[in-house]
């Protein structure tokens, strides 16, 4: 499956451990000069933009990127 950033940005991020919606993808991190996809940054879905908490999720914790959501493993899943 291929997707671009604007498509990824629309997806909800869901924790596999409890099904909790962690928010939406707001950014991605790529290493330079290796050009490796390092992870995603998620903005919580509550409150105003300036009060939302951002969470960085390393790519090794991303279980699946689907059509509707991104499924992630949290620290509790290990």
N, C-alpha and C. Protein backbone atom coordinates (compact mmCIF):
# COMPACT_ATOMS: atom_id res chain seq x y z
N UNK A 1 0.84 -1.17 0.00
CA UNK A 1 0.00 0.00 0.00
C UNK A 1 0.89 1.24 0.00
N UNK A 2 0.57 2.17 -0.85
CA UNK A 2 1.29 3.44 -0.89
C UNK A 2 0.36 4.55 -0.47
N UNK A 3 0.90 5.56 0.19
CA UNK A 3 0.13 6.71 0.61
C UNK A 3 1.07 7.89 0.71
N UNK A 4 0.51 9.08 0.64
CA UNK A 4 1.33 10.27 0.82
C UNK A 4 1.02 10.88 2.19
N UNK A 5 1.78 11.91 2.54
CA UNK A 5 1.64 12.50 3.86
C UNK A 5 0.25 13.04 4.12
N UNK A 6 -0.37 13.66 3.12
CA UNK A 6 -1.71 14.21 3.33
C UNK A 6 -2.73 13.11 3.63
N UNK A 7 -2.55 11.93 3.07
CA UNK A 7 -3.44 10.80 3.38
C UNK A 7 -3.16 10.26 4.78
N UNK A 8 -1.88 10.15 5.15
CA UNK A 8 -1.51 9.66 6.48
C UNK A 8 -1.99 10.61 7.56
N UNK A 9 -1.95 11.89 7.29
CA UNK A 9 -2.32 12.91 8.26
C UNK A 9 -3.81 12.83 8.65
N UNK A 10 -4.63 12.24 7.82
CA UNK A 10 -6.07 12.13 8.09
C UNK A 10 -6.41 10.93 8.99
N UNK A 11 -5.44 10.07 9.25
CA UNK A 11 -5.73 8.81 9.94
C UNK A 11 -5.68 8.95 11.47
N UNK A 12 -6.60 8.27 12.14
CA UNK A 12 -6.58 8.16 13.59
C UNK A 12 -5.50 7.16 13.98
N UNK A 13 -4.91 7.37 15.16
CA UNK A 13 -3.92 6.45 15.70
C UNK A 13 -4.56 5.74 16.89
N UNK A 14 -4.62 4.40 16.81
CA UNK A 14 -5.32 3.58 17.80
C UNK A 14 -4.33 2.65 18.50
N UNK A 15 -4.41 2.60 19.84
CA UNK A 15 -3.57 1.71 20.63
C UNK A 15 -4.14 0.30 20.57
N UNK A 16 -3.28 -0.68 20.30
CA UNK A 16 -3.72 -2.08 20.26
C UNK A 16 -4.05 -2.62 21.65
N UNK A 17 -3.44 -2.07 22.70
CA UNK A 17 -3.63 -2.63 24.03
C UNK A 17 -5.03 -2.36 24.59
N UNK A 18 -5.58 -1.16 24.33
CA UNK A 18 -6.88 -0.84 24.91
C UNK A 18 -7.88 -0.24 23.92
N UNK A 19 -7.49 -0.11 22.67
CA UNK A 19 -8.38 0.44 21.66
C UNK A 19 -8.59 1.93 21.75
N UNK A 20 -7.78 2.60 22.58
CA UNK A 20 -7.92 4.04 22.79
C UNK A 20 -7.44 4.81 21.57
N UNK A 21 -8.20 5.84 21.20
CA UNK A 21 -7.81 6.73 20.11
C UNK A 21 -6.79 7.72 20.68
N UNK A 22 -5.55 7.65 20.19
CA UNK A 22 -4.49 8.53 20.70
C UNK A 22 -4.48 9.88 20.01
N UNK A 23 -5.22 10.02 18.93
CA UNK A 23 -5.27 11.27 18.19
C UNK A 23 -5.05 11.02 16.71
N UNK A 24 -4.59 12.05 16.02
CA UNK A 24 -4.33 11.96 14.58
C UNK A 24 -2.86 12.20 14.30
N UNK A 25 -2.38 11.61 13.21
CA UNK A 25 -1.00 11.84 12.78
C UNK A 25 -0.88 13.32 12.41
N UNK A 26 0.13 13.99 12.97
CA UNK A 26 0.32 15.40 12.63
C UNK A 26 1.66 15.63 11.95
N UNK A 27 2.60 14.68 12.07
CA UNK A 27 3.91 14.85 11.45
C UNK A 27 4.59 13.50 11.34
N UNK A 28 5.59 13.43 10.48
CA UNK A 28 6.44 12.23 10.37
C UNK A 28 7.89 12.67 10.55
N UNK A 29 8.72 11.73 10.97
CA UNK A 29 10.15 12.01 11.14
C UNK A 29 10.93 11.08 10.23
N UNK A 30 11.84 11.68 9.47
CA UNK A 30 12.70 10.94 8.54
C UNK A 30 14.14 11.29 8.88
N UNK A 31 15.02 10.29 8.95
CA UNK A 31 16.43 10.56 9.23
C UNK A 31 17.14 11.01 7.96
N UNK A 32 18.09 11.90 8.15
CA UNK A 32 18.89 12.39 7.01
C UNK A 32 20.34 12.14 7.32
N UNK A 33 21.17 11.66 6.46
CA UNK A 33 20.99 11.44 5.03
C UNK A 33 20.52 10.03 4.68
N UNK A 34 20.20 9.20 5.66
CA UNK A 34 19.81 7.81 5.39
C UNK A 34 18.44 7.69 4.73
N UNK A 35 17.59 8.69 4.92
CA UNK A 35 16.22 8.70 4.39
C UNK A 35 15.37 7.55 4.91
N UNK A 36 15.54 7.24 6.19
CA UNK A 36 14.74 6.21 6.84
C UNK A 36 13.56 6.85 7.56
N UNK A 37 12.41 6.21 7.49
CA UNK A 37 11.21 6.64 8.19
C UNK A 37 11.39 6.27 9.66
N UNK A 38 11.51 7.25 10.55
CA UNK A 38 11.82 7.01 11.96
C UNK A 38 10.57 6.84 12.81
N UNK A 39 9.53 7.62 12.53
CA UNK A 39 8.32 7.50 13.33
C UNK A 39 7.31 8.58 12.98
N UNK A 40 6.23 8.59 13.79
CA UNK A 40 5.16 9.56 13.57
C UNK A 40 4.94 10.35 14.85
N UNK A 41 4.46 11.57 14.69
CA UNK A 41 4.06 12.40 15.82
C UNK A 41 2.55 12.49 15.78
N UNK A 42 1.94 12.25 16.94
CA UNK A 42 0.49 12.24 17.07
C UNK A 42 0.07 13.39 17.96
N UNK A 43 -0.95 14.11 17.53
CA UNK A 43 -1.53 15.17 18.34
C UNK A 43 -2.81 14.64 18.95
N UNK A 44 -2.96 14.80 20.26
CA UNK A 44 -4.17 14.36 20.95
C UNK A 44 -5.41 14.98 20.38
N UNK A 45 -6.55 14.32 20.52
CA UNK A 45 -7.77 14.77 19.84
C UNK A 45 -8.63 15.68 20.70
N UNK A 46 -8.17 16.11 21.86
CA UNK A 46 -8.99 16.95 22.73
C UNK A 46 -8.34 18.32 22.91
N UNK A 47 -9.15 19.33 23.12
CA UNK A 47 -8.66 20.67 23.41
C UNK A 47 -8.31 21.47 22.19
N UNK A 48 -7.86 22.70 22.43
CA UNK A 48 -7.44 23.58 21.34
C UNK A 48 -6.06 23.20 20.86
N UNK A 49 -5.69 23.69 19.69
CA UNK A 49 -4.40 23.36 19.07
C UNK A 49 -3.23 23.61 20.01
N UNK A 50 -3.23 24.74 20.71
CA UNK A 50 -2.09 25.06 21.57
C UNK A 50 -2.06 24.26 22.87
N UNK A 51 -3.14 23.55 23.18
CA UNK A 51 -3.16 22.76 24.41
C UNK A 51 -3.04 21.26 24.15
N UNK A 52 -2.98 20.86 22.89
CA UNK A 52 -2.88 19.44 22.58
C UNK A 52 -1.48 18.92 22.88
N UNK A 53 -1.42 17.74 23.41
CA UNK A 53 -0.15 17.11 23.71
C UNK A 53 0.30 16.29 22.51
N UNK A 54 1.57 16.42 22.15
CA UNK A 54 2.12 15.63 21.04
C UNK A 54 2.85 14.42 21.59
N UNK A 55 2.69 13.30 20.91
CA UNK A 55 3.34 12.05 21.30
C UNK A 55 4.14 11.55 20.10
N UNK A 56 5.41 11.19 20.32
CA UNK A 56 6.22 10.60 19.25
C UNK A 56 6.12 9.09 19.37
N UNK A 57 5.82 8.42 18.26
CA UNK A 57 5.72 6.96 18.22
C UNK A 57 6.76 6.45 17.22
N UNK A 58 7.78 5.72 17.72
CA UNK A 58 8.78 5.17 16.81
C UNK A 58 8.16 4.16 15.84
N UNK A 59 8.73 4.05 14.67
CA UNK A 59 8.20 3.17 13.63
C UNK A 59 8.13 1.71 14.10
N UNK A 60 9.02 1.30 15.00
CA UNK A 60 9.00 -0.09 15.49
C UNK A 60 7.74 -0.39 16.31
N UNK A 61 7.04 0.65 16.77
CA UNK A 61 5.80 0.45 17.52
C UNK A 61 4.55 0.51 16.63
N UNK A 62 4.73 0.87 15.37
CA UNK A 62 3.60 0.90 14.44
C UNK A 62 3.35 -0.53 13.95
N UNK A 63 2.17 -1.06 14.27
CA UNK A 63 1.84 -2.43 13.91
C UNK A 63 1.26 -2.51 12.50
N UNK A 64 0.43 -1.53 12.13
CA UNK A 64 -0.25 -1.58 10.84
C UNK A 64 -0.74 -0.19 10.46
N UNK A 65 -0.55 0.15 9.21
CA UNK A 65 -1.14 1.37 8.66
C UNK A 65 -2.22 0.92 7.70
N UNK A 66 -3.45 1.13 8.10
CA UNK A 66 -4.59 0.68 7.29
C UNK A 66 -5.24 1.83 6.54
N UNK A 67 -6.36 1.53 5.90
CA UNK A 67 -7.08 2.54 5.14
C UNK A 67 -7.70 3.61 6.04
N UNK A 68 -8.12 3.22 7.25
CA UNK A 68 -8.81 4.15 8.13
C UNK A 68 -8.00 4.59 9.35
N UNK A 69 -7.03 3.79 9.76
CA UNK A 69 -6.33 4.09 11.01
C UNK A 69 -4.91 3.52 11.01
N UNK A 70 -4.13 4.00 11.97
CA UNK A 70 -2.79 3.48 12.23
C UNK A 70 -2.86 2.77 13.58
N UNK A 71 -2.52 1.50 13.60
CA UNK A 71 -2.52 0.71 14.83
C UNK A 71 -1.13 0.68 15.41
N UNK A 72 -1.01 0.98 16.72
CA UNK A 72 0.31 1.05 17.37
C UNK A 72 0.34 0.21 18.63
N UNK A 73 1.53 -0.29 18.92
CA UNK A 73 1.78 -0.99 20.18
C UNK A 73 2.33 0.03 21.16
N UNK A 74 1.77 0.06 22.36
CA UNK A 74 2.28 0.96 23.39
C UNK A 74 3.25 0.20 24.28
N UNK A 75 3.85 0.91 25.22
CA UNK A 75 4.82 0.28 26.12
C UNK A 75 4.18 -0.87 26.91
N UNK A 76 2.88 -0.78 27.19
CA UNK A 76 2.20 -1.84 27.95
C UNK A 76 2.07 -3.13 27.16
N UNK A 77 2.17 -3.05 25.82
CA UNK A 77 2.01 -4.23 24.98
C UNK A 77 3.25 -5.11 24.94
N UNK A 78 4.35 -4.63 25.48
CA UNK A 78 5.62 -5.37 25.36
C UNK A 78 5.79 -6.43 26.40
